[in-house]
Every structure is written in structure tokens, then in C-alpha cells.
Amino acid sequence: MKKIDLKGRVAIVTGAGAGLGREHALLLARLGARVVVNDLGSDVNGRGGSVSAAQRVADEICAQGGETFANGASVTDYPQVQRMVAQTLDRWGRVDILVNNAGILRDKTFNKMELEDFRAVIEVHLMGAVHCTKAVWNTMRGQQHGRIVMTTSSSGLYGNFGQSNYGAAKMALVGLMQTLALEGEKYGIRVNCLAPTAATRMVEGLMAQDKLHALPPAAVSLALGALAGDDAPTRMVLCAGAGSFEAAHVTLTRGVHLGTGDDVVHELAARLPDVAERRDETVPRSGAAQAELELANAGPQFQEAS
């Protein structure tokens, strides 16, 4: 079994002052990476801020013999993110690994949610990941190596009551991952998503205590390590919790061809179970696969033309 060795690699971990981010940073350091511990230091709702949380984790890494520094940039502020990346390049000359982990919660049912709370969650989870990824993208392209991990969630993949803002942001990160993996492939940039289940301050009060004890954040970070190494996959949604690991997929069924006649709208309504039949479903290589399948279903003349 080949072991993951990150010696010589440089990693940036956002939201690394506590919980999952802290464990990610500690693991990457143990694997040999030099680590930027980024955390705004806000509460779980995104309010307040102090670099002290990030500094405590950096101090832990230093105590274990690792190389690190703390950074308090807000991922919602692109100039701050650019300065963080510039500081990293000035000190270590490269950025190999980016873990987009920063996040907040503003949970309410959609009926009761203020748009400000919806936007705030989108800004941190989605735009925060966009800002950090954009800031390192050209560096990774130039060095022909990059590992980017987006933090998605089962709330985005499958839905969760009271988390419309969070779920929308988390599923958007899957779409971002899908496209960036295609664009980064020839430059050695591999982009994946991690869907964690862990006992952190973001799920306090949502699970029974015995279940929380079985879900240590460190168990999720093992999956992060697999996505950060030289042999990491790309375009994978890796799920992790309690020592169990799964993969989630966005699939496409074979569907049915009904044509475009006047009665198709009624026939389609009756045949939606056939459309949803999962036998022989595929995981498309890119968005073009949908059009290719539909043209193939329409007839061989379109299949040849495509």
C-alpha cells in the first residue's frame, strides 16, 4: 500500500480554527504539508471575528514539528484572500492544496428566512470557495499541480428541513467542482468534494449525544487526506463519517423517447416512472452527455450527426 506523503506540498485550509477545519489542518501537517491555517474566528452564524482560533491551531502544528502560519482573512473578501495567497507564495513559493471548508449556518424554514440570511450563507460557502479557488488557480496551473477540495453536504445532495440556504450553497459547490475538474484536468489540477458527517459546533443540538460521540471530525479528515495526495481522483463526491466512506453521484437515466406530438405532455405525465427507471443509468463525463443521449434516443440519424 502506497502511503500519502505531502512533504514539499503547501496547503491552505479555510475555516481551520475549529472542528473539521482544525482536523484537516492537523492531518495535512502530519502528512508533511506546510499549512496555512485560515479562520476569521466568527461564531457559527458568521458574526464576530478573531485570528486567535487560527493561531491556536497553528501553535498545535508547530508543537508537533510542522511548518505553518495563521491567517484571519475573510473568505467573503476577495482582496483579503488574494493577500493570504500572496503571503503564502512569498513564504513558501507555491500552493498545492486548497481545502474550502469555511462555513456558517443561518437555519430557518424558507417561509421564515430573511433574504439576508440566505445571501450570507451563499456568500461564505459558495462565493468564499470561489474567491479562494480563483486566487490559487493560476498558480496551480503554472506549477501543473493542484488539489482542490470543496466541502459539500448531504443537505445539498439530498435536502434537509430548514436548510434551504445551506443546501443550495452546498449543491452549488458540486456544480462548481464538476466544471473546474474539467477545466483543470490538463493542468494537473484535481477537484473533488467532501461530504462530511461530524460532530461539530454546526450540528450541536441536531443529533443525540451518543450519535455525536460516534462522529468525531478526525474521522472525516481521513477522507480529506485521500483527496489531497498525488494520486487523488478528480470529480469525486466523497462522503465520510464514523469511519465509513461512500461516494455520491449525479446520474442520468436512459429515459424514454416520446417525440413532440400534442399528446406527449399527457403521456409523459403517465410515464414519469419509466423516465425515472434507474437501470442502466450513467454518470455523465460532462454536460454534453445529456444532449448526446437525447439525440441518440431520437434516432440513429441524430446519433451519427452527433
C-alpha atoms as a PDB file:
ATOM      1  CA  MET A   1       0.000   0.000   0.000  1.00  0.00           C
ATOM      2  CA  LYS A   2       1.432   3.338  -1.083  1.00  0.00           C
ATOM      3  CA  LYS A   3       1.371   5.930   1.702  1.00  0.00           C
ATOM      4  CA  ILE A   4       0.385   9.541   1.146  1.00  0.00           C
ATOM      5  CA  ASP A   5       3.390  11.810   1.523  1.00  0.00           C
ATOM      6  CA  LEU A   6       2.830  15.567   1.338  1.00  0.00           C
ATOM      7  CA  LYS A   7       6.387  16.663   2.071  1.00  0.00           C
ATOM      8  CA  GLY A   8       7.150  19.733  -0.014  1.00  0.00           C
ATOM      9  CA  ARG A   9       3.456  20.477  -0.560  1.00  0.00           C
ATOM     10  CA  VAL A  10       1.759  23.653   0.656  1.00  0.00           C
ATOM     11  CA  ALA A  11      -1.868  23.639   1.802  1.00  0.00           C
ATOM     12  CA  ILE A  12      -4.398  26.330   2.634  1.00  0.00           C
ATOM     13  CA  VAL A  13      -7.311  25.271   4.828  1.00  0.00           C
ATOM     14  CA  THR A  14     -10.158  27.728   5.382  1.00  0.00           C
ATOM     15  CA  GLY A  15     -12.344  27.594   8.455  1.00  0.00           C
ATOM     16  CA  ALA A  16      -9.470  25.789  10.177  1.00  0.00           C
ATOM     17  CA  GLY A  17      -9.822  27.275  13.647  1.00  0.00           C
ATOM     18  CA  ALA A  18     -12.064  24.519  14.986  1.00  0.00           C
ATOM     19  CA  GLY A  19     -13.972  21.362  14.106  1.00  0.00           C
ATOM     20  CA  LEU A  20     -13.397  19.818  10.703  1.00  0.00           C
ATOM     21  CA  GLY A  21     -11.024  22.514   9.506  1.00  0.00           C
ATOM     22  CA  ARG A  22      -8.778  22.086  12.528  1.00  0.00           C
ATOM     23  CA  GLU A  23      -8.605  18.333  11.993  1.00  0.00           C
ATOM     24  CA  HIS A  24      -7.933  18.839   8.268  1.00  0.00           C
ATOM     25  CA  ALA A  25      -5.043  21.172   9.029  1.00  0.00           C
ATOM     26  CA  LEU A  26      -3.557  18.854  11.662  1.00  0.00           C
ATOM     27  CA  LEU A  27      -3.766  15.842   9.353  1.00  0.00           C
ATOM     28  CA  LEU A  28      -2.190  17.628   6.387  1.00  0.00           C
ATOM     29  CA  ALA A  29       0.636  18.764   8.639  1.00  0.00           C
ATOM     30  CA  ARG A  30       1.160  15.210   9.926  1.00  0.00           C
ATOM     31  CA  LEU A  31       1.381  14.044   6.315  1.00  0.00           C
ATOM     32  CA  GLY A  32       4.183  16.532   5.759  1.00  0.00           C
ATOM     33  CA  ALA A  33       2.492  19.567   4.208  1.00  0.00           C
ATOM     34  CA  ARG A  34       3.185  23.138   5.210  1.00  0.00           C
ATOM     35  CA  VAL A  35      -0.188  24.533   6.224  1.00  0.00           C
ATOM     36  CA  VAL A  36      -1.862  27.934   6.208  1.00  0.00           C
ATOM     37  CA  VAL A  37      -4.453  27.860   8.974  1.00  0.00           C
ATOM     38  CA  ASN A  38      -7.145  30.313   7.894  1.00  0.00           C
ATOM     39  CA  ASP A  39     -10.077  31.271  10.067  1.00  0.00           C
ATOM     40  CA  LEU A  40     -11.982  34.511  10.511  1.00  0.00           C
ATOM     41  CA  GLY A  41     -12.807  33.440  14.060  1.00  0.00           C
ATOM     42  CA  SER A  42     -16.523  34.195  13.833  1.00  0.00           C
ATOM     43  CA  ASP A  43     -19.292  32.319  15.587  1.00  0.00           C
ATOM     44  CA  VAL A  44     -21.309  29.613  13.825  1.00  0.00           C
ATOM     45  CA  ASN A  45     -23.638  32.302  12.436  1.00  0.00           C
ATOM     46  CA  GLY A  46     -20.742  34.214  10.890  1.00  0.00           C
ATOM     47  CA  ARG A  47     -20.694  37.074  13.392  1.00  0.00           C
ATOM     48  CA  GLY A  48     -17.595  38.477  15.077  1.00  0.00           C
ATOM     49  CA  GLY A  49     -14.005  37.617  14.303  1.00  0.00           C
ATOM     50  CA  SER A  50     -10.561  36.995  15.768  1.00  0.00           C
ATOM     51  CA  VAL A  51      -7.408  35.312  14.479  1.00  0.00           C
ATOM     52  CA  SER A  52      -6.900  33.655  17.853  1.00  0.00           C
ATOM     53  CA  ALA A  53      -8.704  30.450  16.842  1.00  0.00           C
ATOM     54  CA  ALA A  54      -6.460  30.018  13.800  1.00  0.00           C
ATOM     55  CA  GLN A  55      -3.386  30.842  15.882  1.00  0.00           C
ATOM     56  CA  ARG A  56      -4.199  28.133  18.427  1.00  0.00           C
ATOM     57  CA  VAL A  57      -4.302  25.508  15.668  1.00  0.00           C
ATOM     58  CA  ALA A  58      -1.092  26.871  14.153  1.00  0.00           C
ATOM     59  CA  ASP A  59       0.521  26.594  17.578  1.00  0.00           C
ATOM     60  CA  GLU A  60      -0.574  22.935  17.758  1.00  0.00           C
ATOM     61  CA  ILE A  61       1.038  22.226  14.407  1.00  0.00           C
ATOM     62  CA  CYS A  62       4.251  23.981  15.450  1.00  0.00           C
ATOM     63  CA  ALA A  63       4.325  21.975  18.672  1.00  0.00           C
ATOM     64  CA  GLN A  64       4.233  18.805  16.574  1.00  0.00           C
ATOM     65  CA  GLY A  65       7.148  19.994  14.451  1.00  0.00           C
ATOM     66  CA  GLY A  66       5.153  21.263  11.479  1.00  0.00           C
ATOM     67  CA  GLU A  67       5.508  24.428   9.413  1.00  0.00           C
ATOM     68  CA  THR A  68       2.525  26.746   9.480  1.00  0.00           C
ATOM     69  CA  PHE A  69       1.165  30.209   9.989  1.00  0.00           C
ATOM     70  CA  ALA A  70      -2.229  31.564  10.961  1.00  0.00           C
ATOM     71  CA  ASN A  71      -4.305  33.885   8.801  1.00  0.00           C
ATOM     72  CA  GLY A  72      -7.542  35.677   9.632  1.00  0.00           C
ATOM     73  CA  ALA A  73      -8.770  36.604   6.146  1.00  0.00           C
ATOM     74  CA  SER A  74     -12.489  36.517   5.484  1.00  0.00           C
ATOM     75  CA  VAL A  75     -13.247  34.259   2.524  1.00  0.00           C
ATOM     76  CA  THR A  76     -16.031  36.655   1.558  1.00  0.00           C
ATOM     77  CA  ASP A  77     -13.482  39.417   0.931  1.00  0.00           C
ATOM     78  CA  TYR A  78     -11.561  38.678  -2.272  1.00  0.00           C
ATOM     79  CA  PRO A  79      -8.750  41.209  -1.687  1.00  0.00           C
ATOM     80  CA  GLN A  80      -8.131  39.658   1.743  1.00  0.00           C
ATOM     81  CA  VAL A  81      -7.999  36.208   0.145  1.00  0.00           C
ATOM     82  CA  GLN A  82      -5.576  37.464  -2.504  1.00  0.00           C
ATOM     83  CA  ARG A  83      -3.305  38.834   0.221  1.00  0.00           C
ATOM     84  CA  MET A  84      -3.421  35.488   2.047  1.00  0.00           C
ATOM     85  CA  VAL A  85      -2.352  33.652  -1.104  1.00  0.00           C
ATOM     86  CA  ALA A  86       0.354  36.239  -1.823  1.00  0.00           C
ATOM     87  CA  GLN A  87       1.668  35.810   1.733  1.00  0.00           C
ATOM     88  CA  THR A  88       1.761  32.053   1.198  1.00  0.00           C
ATOM     89  CA  LEU A  89       3.646  32.392  -2.078  1.00  0.00           C
ATOM     90  CA  ASP A  90       6.101  34.861  -0.562  1.00  0.00           C
ATOM     91  CA  ARG A  91       6.873  32.443   2.247  1.00  0.00           C
ATOM     92  CA  TRP A  92       6.801  29.064   0.508  1.00  0.00           C
ATOM     93  CA  GLY A  93       6.677  29.734  -3.230  1.00  0.00           C
ATOM     94  CA  ARG A  94       3.715  27.545  -4.145  1.00  0.00           C
ATOM     95  CA  VAL A  95       0.181  26.422  -3.243  1.00  0.00           C
ATOM     96  CA  ASP A  96      -0.582  22.748  -3.888  1.00  0.00           C
ATOM     97  CA  ILE A  97      -3.693  22.070  -1.838  1.00  0.00           C
ATOM     98  CA  LEU A  98      -6.752  24.199  -1.142  1.00  0.00           C
ATOM     99  CA  VAL A  99      -9.422  22.991   1.254  1.00  0.00           C
ATOM    100  CA  ASN A 100     -12.556  25.145   1.044  1.00  0.00           C
ATOM    101  CA  ASN A 101     -14.018  24.402   4.448  1.00  0.00           C
ATOM    102  CA  ALA A 102     -15.191  27.778   5.820  1.00  0.00           C
ATOM    103  CA  GLY A 103     -18.900  27.893   6.549  1.00  0.00           C
ATOM    104  CA  ILE A 104     -21.711  29.331   8.636  1.00  0.00           C
ATOM    105  CA  LEU A 105     -25.308  28.402   9.428  1.00  0.00           C
ATOM    106  CA  ARG A 106     -28.451  30.530   9.351  1.00  0.00           C
ATOM    107  CA  ASP A 107     -31.077  27.774   9.665  1.00  0.00           C
ATOM    108  CA  LYS A 108     -34.773  28.580   9.320  1.00  0.00           C
ATOM    109  CA  THR A 109     -37.627  27.271   7.228  1.00  0.00           C
ATOM    110  CA  PHE A 110     -37.815  29.033   3.890  1.00  0.00           C
ATOM    111  CA  ASN A 111     -41.074  30.689   4.901  1.00  0.00           C
ATOM    112  CA  LYS A 112     -39.417  32.378   7.879  1.00  0.00           C
ATOM    113  CA  MET A 113     -35.984  33.015   6.386  1.00  0.00           C
ATOM    114  CA  GLU A 114     -34.851  36.543   5.639  1.00  0.00           C
ATOM    115  CA  LEU A 115     -33.113  37.005   2.312  1.00  0.00           C
ATOM    116  CA  GLU A 116     -30.157  38.477   4.171  1.00  0.00           C
ATOM    117  CA  ASP A 117     -29.644  35.105   5.862  1.00  0.00           C
ATOM    118  CA  PHE A 118     -29.912  33.297   2.532  1.00  0.00           C
ATOM    119  CA  ARG A 119     -27.330  35.574   0.933  1.00  0.00           C
ATOM    120  CA  ALA A 120     -24.962  35.356   3.915  1.00  0.00           C
ATOM    121  CA  VAL A 121     -24.744  31.576   3.668  1.00  0.00           C
ATOM    122  CA  ILE A 122     -24.250  31.691  -0.107  1.00  0.00           C
ATOM    123  CA  GLU A 123     -21.511  34.304   0.321  1.00  0.00           C
ATOM    124  CA  VAL A 124     -19.478  32.230   2.764  1.00  0.00           C
ATOM    125  CA  HIS A 125     -19.929  28.703   1.407  1.00  0.00           C
ATOM    126  CA  LEU A 126     -20.157  29.318  -2.338  1.00  0.00           C
ATOM    127  CA  MET A 127     -18.510  32.672  -3.006  1.00  0.00           C
ATOM    128  CA  GLY A 128     -15.912  32.010  -0.320  1.00  0.00           C
ATOM    129  CA  ALA A 129     -14.884  28.868  -2.199  1.00  0.00           C
ATOM    130  CA  VAL A 130     -14.944  30.787  -5.489  1.00  0.00           C
ATOM    131  CA  HIS A 131     -12.709  33.526  -4.077  1.00  0.00           C
ATOM    132  CA  CYS A 132     -10.141  31.125  -2.666  1.00  0.00           C
ATOM    133  CA  THR A 133     -10.123  28.912  -5.749  1.00  0.00           C
ATOM    134  CA  LYS A 134      -9.778  31.882  -8.087  1.00  0.00           C
ATOM    135  CA  ALA A 135      -6.877  33.220  -6.026  1.00  0.00           C
ATOM    136  CA  VAL A 136      -4.871  29.978  -6.340  1.00  0.00           C
ATOM    137  CA  TRP A 137      -5.999  28.826  -9.785  1.00  0.00           C
ATOM    138  CA  ASN A 138      -3.296  30.432 -11.945  1.00  0.00           C
ATOM    139  CA  THR A 139      -0.601  29.365  -9.503  1.00  0.00           C
ATOM    140  CA  MET A 140      -1.768  25.768  -9.697  1.00  0.00           C
ATOM    141  CA  ARG A 141      -1.985  25.954 -13.483  1.00  0.00           C
ATOM    142  CA  GLY A 142       1.538  27.306 -13.704  1.00  0.00           C
ATOM    143  CA  GLN A 143       3.012  24.623 -11.470  1.00  0.00           C
ATOM    144  CA  GLN A 144       0.988  21.886 -13.230  1.00  0.00           C
ATOM    145  CA  HIS A 145      -0.294  20.584  -9.912  1.00  0.00           C
ATOM    146  CA  GLY A 146      -3.230  21.335  -7.677  1.00  0.00           C
ATOM    147  CA  ARG A 147      -5.633  19.594  -5.338  1.00  0.00           C
ATOM    148  CA  ILE A 148      -8.848  21.467  -4.504  1.00  0.00           C
ATOM    149  CA  VAL A 149     -11.457  20.110  -2.117  1.00  0.00           C
ATOM    150  CA  MET A 150     -14.906  21.676  -1.815  1.00  0.00           C
ATOM    151  CA  THR A 151     -16.945  20.902   1.289  1.00  0.00           C
ATOM    152  CA  THR A 152     -20.411  19.855   0.184  1.00  0.00           C
ATOM    153  CA  SER A 153     -23.089  18.277   2.385  1.00  0.00           C
ATOM    154  CA  SER A 154     -25.859  15.712   2.443  1.00  0.00           C
ATOM    155  CA  SER A 155     -28.119  18.740   2.962  1.00  0.00           C
ATOM    156  CA  GLY A 156     -27.241  19.839  -0.561  1.00  0.00           C
ATOM    157  CA  LEU A 157     -27.128  16.398  -2.125  1.00  0.00           C
ATOM    158  CA  TYR A 158     -30.411  15.187  -0.634  1.00  0.00           C
ATOM    159  CA  GLY A 159     -32.050  18.099   1.195  1.00  0.00           C
ATOM    160  CA  ASN A 160     -32.575  18.859   4.861  1.00  0.00           C
ATOM    161  CA  PHE A 161     -35.527  20.577   6.531  1.00  0.00           C
ATOM    162  CA  GLY A 162     -34.790  24.197   7.459  1.00  0.00           C
ATOM    163  CA  GLN A 163     -31.600  24.470   5.410  1.00  0.00           C
ATOM    164  CA  SER A 164     -32.644  25.820   2.016  1.00  0.00           C
ATOM    165  CA  ASN A 165     -29.812  28.372   2.016  1.00  0.00           C
ATOM    166  CA  TYR A 166     -27.187  25.896   3.192  1.00  0.00           C
ATOM    167  CA  GLY A 167     -28.408  23.156   0.863  1.00  0.00           C
ATOM    168  CA  ALA A 168     -28.409  25.478  -2.149  1.00  0.00           C
ATOM    169  CA  ALA A 169     -24.849  26.604  -1.419  1.00  0.00           C
ATOM    170  CA  LYS A 170     -23.601  23.081  -0.850  1.00  0.00           C
ATOM    171  CA  MET A 171     -25.099  21.682  -4.050  1.00  0.00           C
ATOM    172  CA  ALA A 172     -23.754  24.649  -5.996  1.00  0.00           C
ATOM    173  CA  LEU A 173     -20.276  23.585  -4.897  1.00  0.00           C
ATOM    174  CA  VAL A 174     -20.826  20.227  -6.588  1.00  0.00           C
ATOM    175  CA  GLY A 175     -21.591  22.008  -9.844  1.00  0.00           C
ATOM    176  CA  LEU A 176     -18.514  24.191  -9.406  1.00  0.00           C
ATOM    177  CA  MET A 177     -16.401  21.087  -8.790  1.00  0.00           C
ATOM    178  CA  GLN A 178     -17.740  19.345 -11.898  1.00  0.00           C
ATOM    179  CA  THR A 179     -16.707  22.163 -14.224  1.00  0.00           C
ATOM    180  CA  LEU A 180     -13.412  23.084 -12.563  1.00  0.00           C
ATOM    181  CA  ALA A 181     -12.326  19.448 -12.695  1.00  0.00           C
ATOM    182  CA  LEU A 182     -12.815  19.513 -16.469  1.00  0.00           C
ATOM    183  CA  GLU A 183     -11.034  22.845 -16.896  1.00  0.00           C
ATOM    184  CA  GLY A 184      -8.160  21.902 -14.616  1.00  0.00           C
ATOM    185  CA  GLU A 185      -7.535  18.385 -15.911  1.00  0.00           C
ATOM    186  CA  LYS A 186      -4.792  19.217 -18.421  1.00  0.00           C
ATOM    187  CA  TYR A 187      -3.000  21.341 -15.835  1.00  0.00           C
ATOM    188  CA  GLY A 188      -2.771  18.593 -13.235  1.00  0.00           C
ATOM    189  CA  ILE A 189      -5.488  20.201 -11.083  1.00  0.00           C
ATOM    190  CA  ARG A 190      -7.852  17.693  -9.496  1.00  0.00           C
ATOM    191  CA  VAL A 191     -11.040  18.973  -7.906  1.00  0.00           C
ATOM    192  CA  ASN A 192     -13.269  16.964  -5.586  1.00  0.00           C
ATOM    193  CA  CYS A 193     -15.999  17.371  -2.995  1.00  0.00           C
ATOM    194  CA  LEU A 194     -16.097  16.076   0.547  1.00  0.00           C
ATOM    195  CA  ALA A 195     -19.480  15.495   2.204  1.00  0.00           C
ATOM    196  CA  PRO A 196     -18.814  15.144   5.944  1.00  0.00           C
ATOM    197  CA  THR A 197     -20.885  13.821   8.815  1.00  0.00           C
ATOM    198  CA  ALA A 198     -19.228  15.003  12.007  1.00  0.00           C
ATOM    199  CA  ALA A 199     -19.899  16.267  15.494  1.00  0.00           C
ATOM    200  CA  THR A 200     -19.008  19.944  15.198  1.00  0.00           C
ATOM    201  CA  ARG A 201     -20.495  23.139  16.589  1.00  0.00           C
ATOM    202  CA  MET A 202     -22.533  23.400  13.379  1.00  0.00           C
ATOM    203  CA  VAL A 203     -24.596  20.306  14.307  1.00  0.00           C
ATOM    204  CA  GLU A 204     -24.802  20.788  18.066  1.00  0.00           C
ATOM    205  CA  GLY A 205     -28.378  20.227  19.196  1.00  0.00           C
ATOM    206  CA  LEU A 206     -29.329  18.469  15.959  1.00  0.00           C
ATOM    207  CA  MET A 207     -28.264  14.953  16.997  1.00  0.00           C
ATOM    208  CA  ALA A 208     -28.413  12.844  20.129  1.00  0.00           C
ATOM    209  CA  GLN A 209     -25.242  12.937  22.210  1.00  0.00           C
ATOM    210  CA  ASP A 210     -24.427   9.243  21.717  1.00  0.00           C
ATOM    211  CA  LYS A 211     -24.510   9.705  17.953  1.00  0.00           C
ATOM    212  CA  LEU A 212     -22.305  12.776  18.163  1.00  0.00           C
ATOM    213  CA  HIS A 213     -19.692  10.773  20.086  1.00  0.00           C
ATOM    214  CA  ALA A 214     -19.558   8.309  17.179  1.00  0.00           C
ATOM    215  CA  LEU A 215     -18.882  11.089  14.667  1.00  0.00           C
ATOM    216  CA  PRO A 216     -15.509  12.665  15.511  1.00  0.00           C
ATOM    217  CA  PRO A 217     -14.324  15.253  12.958  1.00  0.00           C
ATOM    218  CA  ALA A 218     -10.972  13.474  12.724  1.00  0.00           C
ATOM    219  CA  ALA A 219     -12.702  10.516  11.053  1.00  0.00           C
ATOM    220  CA  VAL A 220     -13.766  12.792   8.191  1.00  0.00           C
ATOM    221  CA  SER A 221     -10.293  14.239   7.748  1.00  0.00           C
ATOM    222  CA  LEU A 222      -9.021  10.813   6.723  1.00  0.00           C
ATOM    223  CA  ALA A 223     -11.089  11.250   3.566  1.00  0.00           C
ATOM    224  CA  LEU A 224      -9.642  14.721   3.064  1.00  0.00           C
ATOM    225  CA  GLY A 225      -6.163  13.218   3.106  1.00  0.00           C
ATOM    226  CA  ALA A 226      -7.097  10.837   0.298  1.00  0.00           C
ATOM    227  CA  LEU A 227      -8.256  13.793  -1.824  1.00  0.00           C
ATOM    228  CA  ALA A 228      -5.076  15.792  -1.214  1.00  0.00           C
ATOM    229  CA  GLY A 229      -2.435  13.295  -2.291  1.00  0.00           C
ATOM    230  CA  ASP A 230      -0.655  12.936  -5.607  1.00  0.00           C
ATOM    231  CA  ASP A 231      -2.896  10.009  -6.588  1.00  0.00           C
ATOM    232  CA  ALA A 232      -6.161  11.764  -5.713  1.00  0.00           C
ATOM    233  CA  PRO A 233      -9.142  11.229  -8.019  1.00  0.00           C
ATOM    234  CA  THR A 234     -10.984  14.090  -9.676  1.00  0.00           C
ATOM    235  CA  ARG A 235     -14.713  14.889  -9.857  1.00  0.00           C
ATOM    236  CA  MET A 236     -15.493  12.663  -6.886  1.00  0.00           C
ATOM    237  CA  VAL A 237     -18.065  13.393  -4.201  1.00  0.00           C
ATOM    238  CA  LEU A 238     -16.616  11.501  -1.248  1.00  0.00           C
ATOM    239  CA  CYS A 239     -18.839  11.065   1.796  1.00  0.00           C
ATOM    240  CA  ALA A 240     -17.349  10.314   5.209  1.00  0.00           C
ATOM    241  CA  GLY A 241     -18.449   9.837   8.790  1.00  0.00           C
ATOM    242  CA  ALA A 242     -17.859   7.500  11.748  1.00  0.00           C
ATOM    243  CA  GLY A 243     -15.157   5.612   9.837  1.00  0.00           C
ATOM    244  CA  SER A 244     -17.434   4.871   6.878  1.00  0.00           C
ATOM    245  CA  PHE A 245     -16.809   6.176   3.360  1.00  0.00           C
ATOM    246  CA  GLU A 246     -19.183   6.371   0.406  1.00  0.00           C
ATOM    247  CA  ALA A 247     -19.419   8.085  -2.964  1.00  0.00           C
ATOM    248  CA  ALA A 248     -22.350  10.164  -4.206  1.00  0.00           C
ATOM    249  CA  HIS A 249     -23.089  10.567  -7.915  1.00  0.00           C
ATOM    250  CA  VAL A 250     -25.181  12.785 -10.170  1.00  0.00           C
ATOM    251  CA  THR A 251     -26.601  10.272 -12.634  1.00  0.00           C
ATOM    252  CA  LEU A 252     -28.601  10.267 -15.865  1.00  0.00           C
ATOM    253  CA  THR A 253     -31.247   7.627 -16.610  1.00  0.00           C
ATOM    254  CA  ARG A 254     -31.747   6.135 -20.056  1.00  0.00           C
ATOM    255  CA  GLY A 255     -35.136   7.848 -20.266  1.00  0.00           C
ATOM    256  CA  VAL A 256     -37.779   7.346 -22.941  1.00  0.00           C
ATOM    257  CA  HIS A 257     -38.304   8.980 -26.335  1.00  0.00           C
ATOM    258  CA  LEU A 258     -41.864  10.221 -26.828  1.00  0.00           C
ATOM    259  CA  GLY A 259     -41.478  12.741 -29.637  1.00  0.00           C
ATOM    260  CA  THR A 260     -43.124  16.172 -29.661  1.00  0.00           C
ATOM    261  CA  GLY A 261     -46.762  15.467 -30.535  1.00  0.00           C
ATOM    262  CA  ASP A 262     -49.787  17.136 -28.987  1.00  0.00           C
ATOM    263  CA  ASP A 263     -50.446  14.294 -26.561  1.00  0.00           C
ATOM    264  CA  VAL A 264     -46.853  13.962 -25.327  1.00  0.00           C
ATOM    265  CA  VAL A 265     -47.441  16.210 -22.325  1.00  0.00           C
ATOM    266  CA  HIS A 266     -50.145  13.799 -21.108  1.00  0.00           C
ATOM    267  CA  GLU A 267     -48.204  10.655 -21.995  1.00  0.00           C
ATOM    268  CA  LEU A 268     -45.106  11.969 -20.243  1.00  0.00           C
ATOM    269  CA  ALA A 269     -47.046  12.598 -17.041  1.00  0.00           C
ATOM    270  CA  ALA A 270     -48.210   8.984 -17.127  1.00  0.00           C
ATOM    271  CA  ARG A 271     -44.753   7.615 -17.905  1.00  0.00           C
ATOM    272  CA  LEU A 272     -42.602   9.547 -15.436  1.00  0.00           C
ATOM    273  CA  PRO A 273     -41.891   6.295 -13.538  1.00  0.00           C
ATOM    274  CA  ASP A 274     -40.363   4.923 -16.771  1.00  0.00           C
ATOM    275  CA  VAL A 275     -38.278   8.087 -17.158  1.00  0.00           C
ATOM    276  CA  ALA A 276     -37.002   7.653 -13.602  1.00  0.00           C
ATOM    277  CA  GLU A 277     -36.119   3.949 -14.043  1.00  0.00           C
ATOM    278  CA  ARG A 278     -32.525   3.655 -12.815  1.00  0.00           C
ATOM    279  CA  ARG A 279     -31.483   0.507 -14.633  1.00  0.00           C
ATOM    280  CA  ASP A 280     -28.556   1.315 -16.960  1.00  0.00           C
ATOM    281  CA  GLU A 281     -28.227   4.857 -15.637  1.00  0.00           C
ATOM    282  CA  THR A 282     -24.865   6.549 -16.227  1.00  0.00           C
ATOM    283  CA  VAL A 283     -22.589   9.102 -14.571  1.00  0.00           C
ATOM    284  CA  PRO A 284     -22.003  11.570 -17.447  1.00  0.00           C
ATOM    285  CA  ARG A 285     -18.464  12.621 -18.301  1.00  0.00           C
ATOM    286  CA  SER A 286     -19.692  16.184 -18.934  1.00  0.00           C
ATOM    287  CA  GLY A 287     -22.871  18.163 -19.512  1.00  0.00           C
ATOM    288  CA  ALA A 288     -22.781  17.288 -23.217  1.00  0.00           C
ATOM    289  CA  ALA A 289     -23.793  13.723 -22.348  1.00  0.00           C
ATOM    290  CA  GLN A 290     -27.418  14.747 -21.855  1.00  0.00           C
ATOM    291  CA  ALA A 291     -27.742  16.108 -25.388  1.00  0.00           C
ATOM    292  CA  GLU A 292     -25.905  13.108 -26.810  1.00  0.00           C
ATOM    293  CA  LEU A 293     -28.298  10.701 -25.083  1.00  0.00           C
ATOM    294  CA  GLU A 294     -31.392  12.624 -26.151  1.00  0.00           C
ATOM    295  CA  LEU A 295     -30.268  12.727 -29.772  1.00  0.00           C
ATOM    296  CA  ALA A 296     -29.426   9.023 -29.668  1.00  0.00           C
ATOM    297  CA  ASN A 297     -32.890   8.281 -28.276  1.00  0.00           C
ATOM    298  CA  ALA A 298     -34.448  10.401 -31.019  1.00  0.00           C
ATOM    299  CA  GLY A 299     -32.994   8.215 -33.779  1.00  0.00           C
ATOM    300  CA  PRO A 300     -29.827   6.877 -35.399  1.00  0.00           C
ATOM    301  CA  GLN A 301     -29.598   9.796 -37.809  1.00  0.00           C
ATOM    302  CA  PHE A 302     -29.033  12.169 -34.879  1.00  0.00           C
ATOM    303  CA  GLN A 303     -26.652   9.757 -33.186  1.00  0.00           C
ATOM    304  CA  GLU A 304     -24.463   9.740 -36.297  1.00  0.00           C
ATOM    305  CA  ALA A 305     -24.631  13.536 -36.598  1.00  0.00           C
ATOM    306  CA  SER A 306     -23.529  13.999 -33.024  1.00  0.00           C
END
